């Protein structure tokens, strides 16, 4: 299926708006003492972030990058030699352990691929890509992935 760039970018902007709105709602819920609601909103916001990052991953323009360009602010890219460091490898190891635990919780709760593990997987995939290049984190859930 081919999606034109304008549609892809438009979907990314919508996901970014949802993410921003949910974050504001979560903050409001936290301030009002509605902790459970805040947690639910954070879960939904995390899913919006995963959707946004998936869209950007397949070619949509990142709305944050577009806003930075509009405002004249630019964040310099991180040099490759700073991505494969002991600290980044430790972060990946911890995220993978967390993802394994989250997968177990999701399984207990009957979530099939849409629970908390999907949010952790997104973060772990980003760090893993920085270090090793793209790899499917769930390809071997038996613990054989790099730790």
C-alpha atoms as a PDB file:
ATOM      1  CA  UNK A   1       0.000   0.000   0.000  1.00  0.00           C
ATOM      2  CA  UNK A   2       1.339   3.426  -0.881  1.00  0.00           C
ATOM      3  CA  UNK A   3       0.458   6.446   1.202  1.00  0.00           C
ATOM      4  CA  UNK A   4       1.277   9.879  -0.134  1.00  0.00           C
ATOM      5  CA  UNK A   5       3.629  12.067   1.908  1.00  0.00           C
ATOM      6  CA  UNK A   6       0.971  14.692   2.686  1.00  0.00           C
ATOM      7  CA  UNK A   7      -1.329  12.049   4.217  1.00  0.00           C
ATOM      8  CA  UNK A   8       1.529  10.454   6.140  1.00  0.00           C
ATOM      9  CA  UNK A   9       2.658  13.813   7.526  1.00  0.00           C
ATOM     10  CA  UNK A  10      -0.945  14.730   8.378  1.00  0.00           C
ATOM     11  CA  UNK A  11      -1.377  11.525  10.395  1.00  0.00           C
ATOM     12  CA  UNK A  12       1.858  12.260  12.253  1.00  0.00           C
ATOM     13  CA  UNK A  13       0.603  15.752  13.126  1.00  0.00           C
ATOM     14  CA  UNK A  14      -2.675  14.257  14.410  1.00  0.00           C
ATOM     15  CA  UNK A  15      -0.780  11.728  16.586  1.00  0.00           C
ATOM     16  CA  UNK A  16       1.455  14.500  17.888  1.00  0.00           C
ATOM     17  CA  UNK A  17      -1.604  16.580  18.812  1.00  0.00           C
ATOM     18  CA  UNK A  18      -3.192  13.616  20.592  1.00  0.00           C
ATOM     19  CA  UNK A  19       0.060  13.038  22.476  1.00  0.00           C
ATOM     20  CA  UNK A  20       0.212  16.708  23.547  1.00  0.00           C
ATOM     21  CA  UNK A  21      -3.469  16.804  24.571  1.00  0.00           C
ATOM     22  CA  UNK A  22      -3.210  13.587  26.584  1.00  0.00           C
ATOM     23  CA  UNK A  23      -0.084  14.829  28.320  1.00  0.00           C
ATOM     24  CA  UNK A  24      -1.895  18.029  29.358  1.00  0.00           C
ATOM     25  CA  UNK A  25      -4.902  15.992  30.557  1.00  0.00           C
ATOM     26  CA  UNK A  26      -2.606  13.672  32.544  1.00  0.00           C
ATOM     27  CA  UNK A  27      -0.959  16.643  34.260  1.00  0.00           C
ATOM     28  CA  UNK A  28      -4.389  18.097  35.103  1.00  0.00           C
ATOM     29  CA  UNK A  29      -5.565  14.738  36.489  1.00  0.00           C
ATOM     30  CA  UNK A  30      -2.415  14.448  38.621  1.00  0.00           C
ATOM     31  CA  UNK A  31      -2.944  17.925  40.058  1.00  0.00           C
ATOM     32  CA  UNK A  32      -6.575  17.163  40.874  1.00  0.00           C
ATOM     33  CA  UNK A  33      -5.705  13.931  42.682  1.00  0.00           C
ATOM     34  CA  UNK A  34      -7.132  11.584  40.057  1.00  0.00           C
ATOM     35  CA  UNK A  35      -4.116   9.263  40.039  1.00  0.00           C
ATOM     36  CA  UNK A  36      -5.825   6.291  38.355  1.00  0.00           C
ATOM     37  CA  UNK A  37      -7.107   8.519  35.562  1.00  0.00           C
ATOM     38  CA  UNK A  38      -3.626   9.991  35.191  1.00  0.00           C
ATOM     39  CA  UNK A  39      -2.207   6.484  34.815  1.00  0.00           C
ATOM     40  CA  UNK A  40      -4.797   5.565  32.192  1.00  0.00           C
ATOM     41  CA  UNK A  41      -4.044   8.759  30.288  1.00  0.00           C
ATOM     42  CA  UNK A  42      -0.315   8.013  30.416  1.00  0.00           C
ATOM     43  CA  UNK A  43      -0.938   4.572  28.914  1.00  0.00           C
ATOM     44  CA  UNK A  44      -3.005   6.071  26.101  1.00  0.00           C
ATOM     45  CA  UNK A  45      -0.429   8.829  25.576  1.00  0.00           C
ATOM     46  CA  UNK A  46       2.257   6.157  25.296  1.00  0.00           C
ATOM     47  CA  UNK A  47       0.270   4.434  22.567  1.00  0.00           C
ATOM     48  CA  UNK A  48      -0.035   7.752  20.698  1.00  0.00           C
ATOM     49  CA  UNK A  49       3.750   8.138  20.953  1.00  0.00           C
ATOM     50  CA  UNK A  50       4.244   4.622  19.568  1.00  0.00           C
ATOM     51  CA  UNK A  51       1.871   5.413  16.675  1.00  0.00           C
ATOM     52  CA  UNK A  52       3.640   8.714  16.002  1.00  0.00           C
ATOM     53  CA  UNK A  53       7.084   7.117  16.060  1.00  0.00           C
ATOM     54  CA  UNK A  54       5.882   4.327  13.788  1.00  0.00           C
ATOM     55  CA  UNK A  55       4.622   6.902  11.296  1.00  0.00           C
ATOM     56  CA  UNK A  56       7.904   8.810  11.474  1.00  0.00           C
ATOM     57  CA  UNK A  57       9.745   5.504  11.093  1.00  0.00           C
ATOM     58  CA  UNK A  58       7.995   4.807   7.793  1.00  0.00           C
ATOM     59  CA  UNK A  59       8.707   8.253   6.423  1.00  0.00           C
ATOM     60  CA  UNK A  60       6.413  10.877   7.948  1.00  0.00           C
ATOM     61  CA  UNK A  61       8.025  14.171   8.850  1.00  0.00           C
ATOM     62  CA  UNK A  62       8.473  14.376  12.604  1.00  0.00           C
ATOM     63  CA  UNK A  63       6.155  17.182  13.784  1.00  0.00           C
ATOM     64  CA  UNK A  64       8.635  18.182  16.510  1.00  0.00           C
ATOM     65  CA  UNK A  65      11.378  18.568  13.898  1.00  0.00           C
ATOM     66  CA  UNK A  66       9.006  20.635  11.770  1.00  0.00           C
ATOM     67  CA  UNK A  67       8.178  22.861  14.789  1.00  0.00           C
ATOM     68  CA  UNK A  68      11.877  23.299  15.587  1.00  0.00           C
ATOM     69  CA  UNK A  69      12.547  24.271  11.973  1.00  0.00           C
ATOM     70  CA  UNK A  70       9.643  26.745  12.096  1.00  0.00           C
ATOM     71  CA  UNK A  71      10.948  28.289  15.318  1.00  0.00           C
ATOM     72  CA  UNK A  72      14.547  28.377  14.134  1.00  0.00           C
ATOM     73  CA  UNK A  73      15.701  26.001  16.862  1.00  0.00           C
ATOM     74  CA  UNK A  74      17.658  22.940  15.928  1.00  0.00           C
ATOM     75  CA  UNK A  75      18.969  20.085  18.029  1.00  0.00           C
ATOM     76  CA  UNK A  76      22.297  18.828  16.743  1.00  0.00           C
ATOM     77  CA  UNK A  77      22.325  15.094  15.989  1.00  0.00           C
ATOM     78  CA  UNK A  78      24.268  12.859  18.359  1.00  0.00           C
ATOM     79  CA  UNK A  79      27.529  11.583  16.866  1.00  0.00           C
ATOM     80  CA  UNK A  80      27.597   7.853  16.144  1.00  0.00           C
ATOM     81  CA  UNK A  81      30.531   7.249  18.520  1.00  0.00           C
ATOM     82  CA  UNK A  82      28.407   8.609  21.388  1.00  0.00           C
ATOM     83  CA  UNK A  83      25.599   6.121  20.735  1.00  0.00           C
ATOM     84  CA  UNK A  84      27.507   2.888  21.355  1.00  0.00           C
ATOM     85  CA  UNK A  85      28.711   3.573  24.881  1.00  0.00           C
ATOM     86  CA  UNK A  86      28.723   1.523  28.079  1.00  0.00           C
ATOM     87  CA  UNK A  87      25.944   3.725  29.492  1.00  0.00           C
ATOM     88  CA  UNK A  88      23.742   3.271  26.412  1.00  0.00           C
ATOM     89  CA  UNK A  89      24.354  -0.496  26.474  1.00  0.00           C
ATOM     90  CA  UNK A  90      23.339  -0.571  30.156  1.00  0.00           C
ATOM     91  CA  UNK A  91      20.212   1.405  29.321  1.00  0.00           C
ATOM     92  CA  UNK A  92      19.354  -1.150  26.634  1.00  0.00           C
ATOM     93  CA  UNK A  93      19.974  -4.053  29.037  1.00  0.00           C
ATOM     94  CA  UNK A  94      17.626  -2.500  31.604  1.00  0.00           C
ATOM     95  CA  UNK A  95      14.963  -1.720  29.016  1.00  0.00           C
ATOM     96  CA  UNK A  96      15.067  -5.302  27.703  1.00  0.00           C
ATOM     97  CA  UNK A  97      14.652  -6.673  31.225  1.00  0.00           C
ATOM     98  CA  UNK A  98      11.778  -4.261  31.770  1.00  0.00           C
ATOM     99  CA  UNK A  99      10.221  -5.272  28.458  1.00  0.00           C
ATOM    100  CA  UNK A 100      10.388  -8.959  29.425  1.00  0.00           C
ATOM    101  CA  UNK A 101       8.627  -8.202  32.719  1.00  0.00           C
ATOM    102  CA  UNK A 102       6.041  -6.016  30.953  1.00  0.00           C
ATOM    103  CA  UNK A 103       5.353  -8.796  28.414  1.00  0.00           C
ATOM    104  CA  UNK A 104       4.689 -11.199  31.294  1.00  0.00           C
ATOM    105  CA  UNK A 105       2.295  -8.703  32.925  1.00  0.00           C
ATOM    106  CA  UNK A 106       0.558  -8.046  29.602  1.00  0.00           C
ATOM    107  CA  UNK A 107       0.157 -11.798  29.090  1.00  0.00           C
ATOM    108  CA  UNK A 108      -1.347 -12.192  32.580  1.00  0.00           C
ATOM    109  CA  UNK A 109      -3.810  -9.391  31.833  1.00  0.00           C
ATOM    110  CA  UNK A 110      -4.772 -10.747  28.434  1.00  0.00           C
ATOM    111  CA  UNK A 111      -3.254  -7.892  26.418  1.00  0.00           C
ATOM    112  CA  UNK A 112      -2.121  -9.109  23.044  1.00  0.00           C
ATOM    113  CA  UNK A 113       0.498  -6.679  21.801  1.00  0.00           C
ATOM    114  CA  UNK A 114      -1.192  -3.485  22.968  1.00  0.00           C
ATOM    115  CA  UNK A 115      -0.223  -3.305  26.626  1.00  0.00           C
ATOM    116  CA  UNK A 116       2.556  -1.570  28.481  1.00  0.00           C
ATOM    117  CA  UNK A 117       5.207  -3.762  26.832  1.00  0.00           C
ATOM    118  CA  UNK A 118       4.578  -2.038  23.498  1.00  0.00           C
ATOM    119  CA  UNK A 119       5.596   1.301  25.019  1.00  0.00           C
ATOM    120  CA  UNK A 120       8.753  -0.183  26.574  1.00  0.00           C
ATOM    121  CA  UNK A 121       9.492  -1.976  23.310  1.00  0.00           C
ATOM    122  CA  UNK A 122       9.445   1.344  21.481  1.00  0.00           C
ATOM    123  CA  UNK A 123      12.056   2.850  23.814  1.00  0.00           C
ATOM    124  CA  UNK A 124      14.208  -0.289  23.746  1.00  0.00           C
ATOM    125  CA  UNK A 125      14.030  -0.458  19.944  1.00  0.00           C
ATOM    126  CA  UNK A 126      15.249   3.127  19.704  1.00  0.00           C
ATOM    127  CA  UNK A 127      18.253   2.464  21.925  1.00  0.00           C
ATOM    128  CA  UNK A 128      18.976  -0.861  20.240  1.00  0.00           C
ATOM    129  CA  UNK A 129      18.880   0.811  16.826  1.00  0.00           C
ATOM    130  CA  UNK A 130      21.365   3.429  18.052  1.00  0.00           C
ATOM    131  CA  UNK A 131      23.775   0.701  19.113  1.00  0.00           C
ATOM    132  CA  UNK A 132      23.267  -2.163  16.640  1.00  0.00           C
ATOM    133  CA  UNK A 133      20.975  -0.997  13.859  1.00  0.00           C
ATOM    134  CA  UNK A 134      17.378  -2.228  13.401  1.00  0.00           C
ATOM    135  CA  UNK A 135      16.495  -5.618  14.950  1.00  0.00           C
ATOM    136  CA  UNK A 136      13.136  -7.083  16.002  1.00  0.00           C
ATOM    137  CA  UNK A 137      13.229  -7.120  19.815  1.00  0.00           C
ATOM    138  CA  UNK A 138      10.519  -9.768  20.076  1.00  0.00           C
ATOM    139  CA  UNK A 139      12.213 -12.133  17.646  1.00  0.00           C
ATOM    140  CA  UNK A 140      13.469 -14.203  20.552  1.00  0.00           C
ATOM    141  CA  UNK A 141      11.651 -13.641  23.812  1.00  0.00           C
ATOM    142  CA  UNK A 142      13.472 -16.514  25.498  1.00  0.00           C
ATOM    143  CA  UNK A 143      16.171 -14.177  26.769  1.00  0.00           C
ATOM    144  CA  UNK A 144      18.617 -14.699  23.934  1.00  0.00           C
ATOM    145  CA  UNK A 145      18.613 -11.068  22.877  1.00  0.00           C
ATOM    146  CA  UNK A 146      21.651  -9.005  23.843  1.00  0.00           C
ATOM    147  CA  UNK A 147      21.715  -7.996  27.501  1.00  0.00           C
END
